[in-house]
Protein backbone atom coordinates (compact mmCIF):
# COMPACT_ATOMS: atom_id res chain seq x y z
CA MET A 1 1.21 17.52 -11.50
CA LEU A 2 3.51 14.55 -12.17
CA GLY A 3 0.98 12.45 -14.07
CA THR A 4 -2.70 12.81 -14.88
CA SER A 5 -3.62 10.01 -17.28
CA GLY A 6 -6.37 7.63 -16.23
CA SER A 7 -5.73 3.88 -16.03
CA TYR A 8 -2.93 3.73 -18.62
CA GLY A 9 -0.44 6.12 -20.18
CA ALA A 10 -1.73 8.50 -22.84
CA PRO A 11 0.27 8.96 -26.07
CA ALA A 12 1.30 12.50 -25.13
CA GLY A 13 2.53 13.31 -21.62
CA GLY A 14 1.29 9.89 -20.65
CA ALA A 15 2.29 9.44 -17.00
CA CYS A 16 -0.50 8.14 -14.78
CA SER A 17 -1.64 9.47 -11.41
CA GLY A 18 0.99 11.26 -9.35
CA TYR A 19 1.24 14.62 -7.58
CA LEU A 20 3.94 16.45 -5.66
CA VAL A 21 2.49 18.48 -2.79
CA ARG A 22 4.76 21.01 -1.09
CA SER A 23 4.26 23.38 1.81
CA GLY A 24 7.22 25.21 3.27
CA GLY A 25 9.96 22.60 3.55
CA THR A 26 7.59 19.62 3.40
CA ALA A 27 7.32 17.49 0.24
CA ILE A 28 4.79 14.66 -0.24
CA TRP A 29 4.56 12.40 -3.28
CA MET A 30 0.87 11.51 -3.58
CA ASP A 31 0.28 8.45 -5.78
CA CYS A 32 3.09 6.83 -7.75
CA GLY A 33 1.54 5.89 -11.08
CA ASN A 34 3.66 4.68 -13.98
CA GLY A 35 5.89 7.42 -15.38
CA THR A 36 5.68 9.70 -12.35
CA LEU A 37 9.07 8.92 -10.79
CA ALA A 38 10.88 10.35 -13.81
CA ASN A 39 8.72 13.49 -13.69
CA LEU A 40 9.15 13.82 -9.92
CA GLN A 41 12.91 14.12 -10.33
CA ARG A 42 12.46 17.18 -12.53
CA HIS A 43 10.86 19.03 -9.62
CA CYS A 44 12.21 17.51 -6.40
CA GLY A 45 15.15 15.49 -5.24
CA VAL A 46 13.96 12.06 -4.10
CA GLU A 47 16.11 12.49 -1.01
CA ASP A 48 14.03 15.57 -0.15
CA LEU A 49 10.74 13.69 0.11
CA ASP A 50 9.14 13.58 3.54
CA ALA A 51 6.51 10.96 2.75
CA VAL A 52 4.70 9.00 0.06
CA VAL A 53 0.92 8.53 -0.02
CA ILE A 54 -0.61 5.65 -2.02
CA THR A 55 -4.37 5.83 -2.35
CA HIS A 56 -4.84 2.26 -3.58
CA VAL A 57 -3.05 -0.67 -5.18
CA HIS A 58 -4.07 -0.29 -8.82
CA PRO A 59 -0.82 -0.05 -10.84
CA ASP A 60 -1.64 3.35 -12.33
CA HIS A 61 -1.45 4.73 -8.79
CA CYS A 62 1.41 2.79 -7.22
CA VAL A 63 3.73 0.98 -9.63
CA ASP A 64 6.56 3.56 -9.60
CA LEU A 65 7.08 2.78 -5.93
CA TYR A 66 9.29 -0.07 -7.19
CA GLY A 67 11.62 2.37 -8.92
CA LEU A 68 11.71 4.48 -5.78
CA HIS A 69 12.60 1.35 -3.83
CA VAL A 70 15.61 0.60 -6.02
CA LEU A 71 16.78 4.21 -6.10
CA SER A 72 16.44 4.59 -2.34
CA LEU A 73 18.39 1.45 -1.47
CA TYR A 74 21.05 1.30 -4.13
CA GLY A 75 21.34 4.86 -5.41
CA LEU A 76 20.83 6.98 -2.30
CA GLU A 77 21.33 4.35 0.43
CA HIS A 78 18.33 5.95 2.09
CA ARG A 79 15.96 4.05 4.38
CA GLY A 80 12.84 4.66 6.41
CA LEU A 81 10.83 6.95 4.10
CA PRO A 82 7.25 7.01 5.49
CA VAL A 83 4.64 5.48 3.17
CA TYR A 84 0.94 5.94 4.01
CA ALA A 85 -1.33 3.42 2.27
CA PRO A 86 -4.45 1.33 2.82
CA GLY A 87 -3.97 -1.71 5.02
CA GLY A 88 -2.41 -4.66 3.21
CA THR A 89 -0.54 -2.57 0.63
CA GLU A 90 2.89 -3.46 1.99
CA ARG A 91 2.13 -7.17 1.69
CA LEU A 92 0.41 -7.01 -1.70
CA LEU A 93 3.10 -4.95 -3.39
CA GLY A 94 5.82 -6.78 -1.52
CA SER A 95 5.22 -9.96 -3.52
CA LEU A 96 7.40 -8.52 -6.32
CA VAL A 97 10.32 -7.88 -3.96
CA GLY A 98 10.17 -11.23 -2.23
CA GLY A 99 8.44 -9.69 0.78
CA ASP A 100 11.58 -7.73 1.66
CA TRP A 101 11.63 -3.96 1.11
CA GLY A 102 15.09 -3.74 2.65
CA GLY A 103 13.98 -1.10 5.11
CA ALA A 104 13.55 1.47 2.34
CA PHE A 105 10.11 2.42 3.63
CA ALA A 106 8.39 2.87 6.98
CA TRP A 107 4.88 1.64 6.24
CA HIS A 108 1.79 3.18 7.87
CA ASP A 109 -1.64 1.62 7.29
CA VAL A 110 -4.46 4.16 6.92
CA GLY A 111 -8.20 3.70 6.86
CA ASP A 112 -11.38 5.72 6.77
CA GLY A 113 -11.16 8.71 9.11
CA ASP A 114 -7.48 8.25 9.96
CA ARG A 115 -5.18 11.23 10.34
CA ALA A 116 -1.44 11.82 10.08
CA GLU A 117 1.00 14.69 10.28
CA VAL A 118 3.90 15.08 7.87
CA GLY A 119 6.12 18.05 8.56
CA ALA A 120 4.07 21.20 8.13
CA THR A 121 1.00 19.38 6.79
CA ALA A 122 -1.96 17.52 8.30
CA LEU A 123 -3.50 14.60 6.39
CA ARG A 124 -6.94 13.00 6.63
CA PHE A 125 -8.21 9.96 4.77
CA SER A 126 -11.68 8.92 3.60
CA ARG A 127 -12.73 5.61 2.02
CA THR A 128 -14.12 6.24 -1.47
CA HIS A 129 -16.58 4.38 -3.70
CA HIS A 130 -13.96 2.32 -5.52
CA PRO A 131 -12.50 -1.16 -5.16
CA PRO A 132 -9.93 -2.15 -3.94
CA PRO A 133 -9.96 -0.07 -0.70
CA THR A 134 -9.17 3.48 -1.84
CA MET A 135 -8.49 6.55 0.26
CA ALA A 136 -9.29 10.11 -0.74
CA VAL A 137 -6.82 12.51 0.87
CA GLU A 138 -7.21 15.93 2.48
CA ILE A 139 -3.97 17.86 3.00
CA THR A 140 -4.10 20.99 5.16
CA ALA A 141 -1.31 23.51 5.62
CA ASP A 142 -1.17 27.22 6.39
CA GLY A 143 -4.97 27.38 6.62
CA LYS A 144 -5.44 25.98 3.08
CA ARG A 145 -7.08 22.68 2.11
CA LEU A 146 -6.39 20.42 -0.85
CA VAL A 147 -8.80 17.52 -1.34
CA TYR A 148 -7.84 14.74 -3.74
CA THR A 149 -10.65 12.34 -4.61
CA ALA A 150 -8.32 9.55 -5.74
CA ASP A 151 -10.47 7.06 -7.69
CA THR A 152 -14.15 7.05 -6.79
CA GLY A 153 -17.65 6.60 -8.06
CA PRO A 154 -20.42 9.16 -7.40
CA ASP A 155 -21.52 7.56 -4.12
CA TRP A 156 -18.67 9.29 -2.30
CA SER A 157 -18.48 13.07 -1.80
CA PRO A 158 -15.69 15.51 -0.89
CA GLU A 159 -18.05 16.63 1.87
CA ALA A 160 -16.63 13.69 3.82
CA PHE A 161 -13.93 16.22 4.75
CA GLY A 162 -16.34 19.11 5.16
CA PRO A 163 -17.31 21.76 2.60
CA GLY A 164 -15.19 24.49 1.07
CA ALA A 165 -11.94 22.90 -0.12
CA ASP A 166 -9.61 25.52 -1.56
CA LEU A 167 -8.77 23.12 -4.39
CA LEU A 168 -10.58 19.90 -5.29
CA LEU A 169 -8.40 17.63 -7.44
CA ALA A 170 -11.02 15.29 -8.84
CA GLU A 171 -10.87 12.24 -11.01
CA ALA A 172 -12.96 12.61 -14.16
CA THR A 173 -12.38 9.39 -16.03
CA TYR A 174 -15.43 9.44 -18.28
CA GLN A 175 -17.82 11.69 -20.19
CA ASP A 176 -21.61 11.71 -20.51
CA SER A 177 -21.42 9.55 -23.64
CA SER A 178 -19.08 6.98 -22.09
CA ASP A 179 -20.13 3.44 -21.31
CA GLY A 180 -18.59 3.99 -17.92
CA TYR A 181 -17.58 1.87 -14.98
CA PRO A 182 -19.65 2.58 -11.87
CA PHE A 183 -16.62 3.18 -9.65
CA HIS A 184 -15.33 6.25 -11.54
CA LEU A 185 -16.71 9.74 -12.16
CA THR A 186 -17.70 11.46 -15.35
CA ALA A 187 -16.43 15.01 -15.72
CA ARG A 188 -19.95 16.30 -15.11
CA GLN A 189 -20.26 14.27 -11.93
CA ALA A 190 -16.91 15.62 -10.73
CA GLY A 191 -18.15 19.16 -11.40
CA THR A 192 -21.41 18.51 -9.59
CA LEU A 193 -19.65 17.08 -6.54
CA ALA A 194 -17.34 20.11 -6.48
CA ARG A 195 -20.32 22.50 -6.65
CA GLU A 196 -22.31 20.64 -4.00
CA SER A 197 -19.33 20.54 -1.65
CA ARG A 198 -18.69 24.24 -2.28
CA ALA A 199 -15.13 23.77 -3.48
CA ARG A 200 -13.52 27.08 -4.36
CA ARG A 201 -11.53 25.68 -7.27
CA LEU A 202 -11.75 22.48 -9.31
CA MET A 203 -9.06 20.65 -11.24
CA LEU A 204 -9.86 17.53 -13.30
CA THR A 205 -7.44 14.63 -13.55
CA HIS A 206 -7.38 10.88 -14.39
CA LEU A 207 -9.05 11.34 -17.79
CA TRP A 208 -9.45 8.27 -19.99
CA PRO A 209 -6.81 8.81 -22.69
CA ARG A 210 -9.05 8.04 -25.69
CA LEU A 211 -11.52 10.81 -24.87
CA ASP A 212 -11.36 14.43 -26.05
CA PRO A 213 -10.29 16.48 -22.99
CA ALA A 214 -12.03 19.59 -24.33
CA ILE A 215 -15.36 17.80 -23.96
CA SER A 216 -14.44 16.79 -20.39
CA VAL A 217 -13.74 20.43 -19.57
CA GLU A 218 -17.05 21.57 -21.08
CA GLU A 219 -19.08 18.95 -19.22
CA GLY A 220 -17.18 19.50 -15.99
CA GLU A 221 -17.77 23.25 -16.11
CA GLU A 222 -21.47 22.71 -16.70
CA GLY A 223 -21.62 20.53 -13.60
CA PHE A 224 -19.48 22.91 -11.54
CA GLY A 225 -21.19 26.07 -12.71
CA GLY A 226 -17.90 27.86 -13.32
CA ARG A 227 -14.43 27.63 -14.79
CA LEU A 228 -12.12 24.76 -13.93
CA THR A 229 -8.56 23.70 -14.68
CA LEU A 230 -7.47 20.59 -16.55
CA ALA A 231 -4.50 18.87 -14.91
CA ALA A 232 -1.44 18.23 -17.08
CA PRO A 233 2.04 16.90 -16.35
CA HIS A 234 4.36 19.58 -14.87
CA LEU A 235 1.51 22.03 -14.27
CA VAL A 236 2.03 23.84 -10.95
CA ALA A 237 -1.00 24.96 -8.93
CA THR A 238 -0.63 27.33 -6.01
CA ILE A 239 -3.28 27.09 -3.30
């Protein structure tokens, strides 16, 4: 876990959404929220990345791509790193670099139902209930499945990838008492979706920083019907 804070950085350990997924010799940086590039470098050399996945263009999921751009071109002189993102991401984010990424990235547009292979892993994408276009991600390797909801409201389900994920990494922005936004989940909703999709394990992430995480865990476990894990920066989960 490189960053787990929802929408903006929390006072403690405040990096936003970002995750390093590794299988064998394959390393994927999934979401590049603010603060995650610094944390990534504590666990993986940037030159060892095989791909970047951006689920959508909200800054708390993509803004550290700019730091990676500078480091790749001027620090490592490295070009052509594959970036998988919803269509239009290259153009939208490119406005801050004058439309010229300098060849640092090889962009791949992905949409609902698309697939890709990165080293030892297979990726699938599913459009979630969240604007702008947002892709949940399934990563499969060695017979194990990680499903990451990205940002979504309750009208999307992990069952889009089929039941029985070995680990569901689910956004849980709000709590029952929150005056929530309809395109995010409460912790209880995340737990319910995990239970209904028969996920084997559940980890909550993307919590709104001003809420008590202990309450999110309690409500999420009630929805899930079992124990769950709360994501935190530098936590390592083995699937």
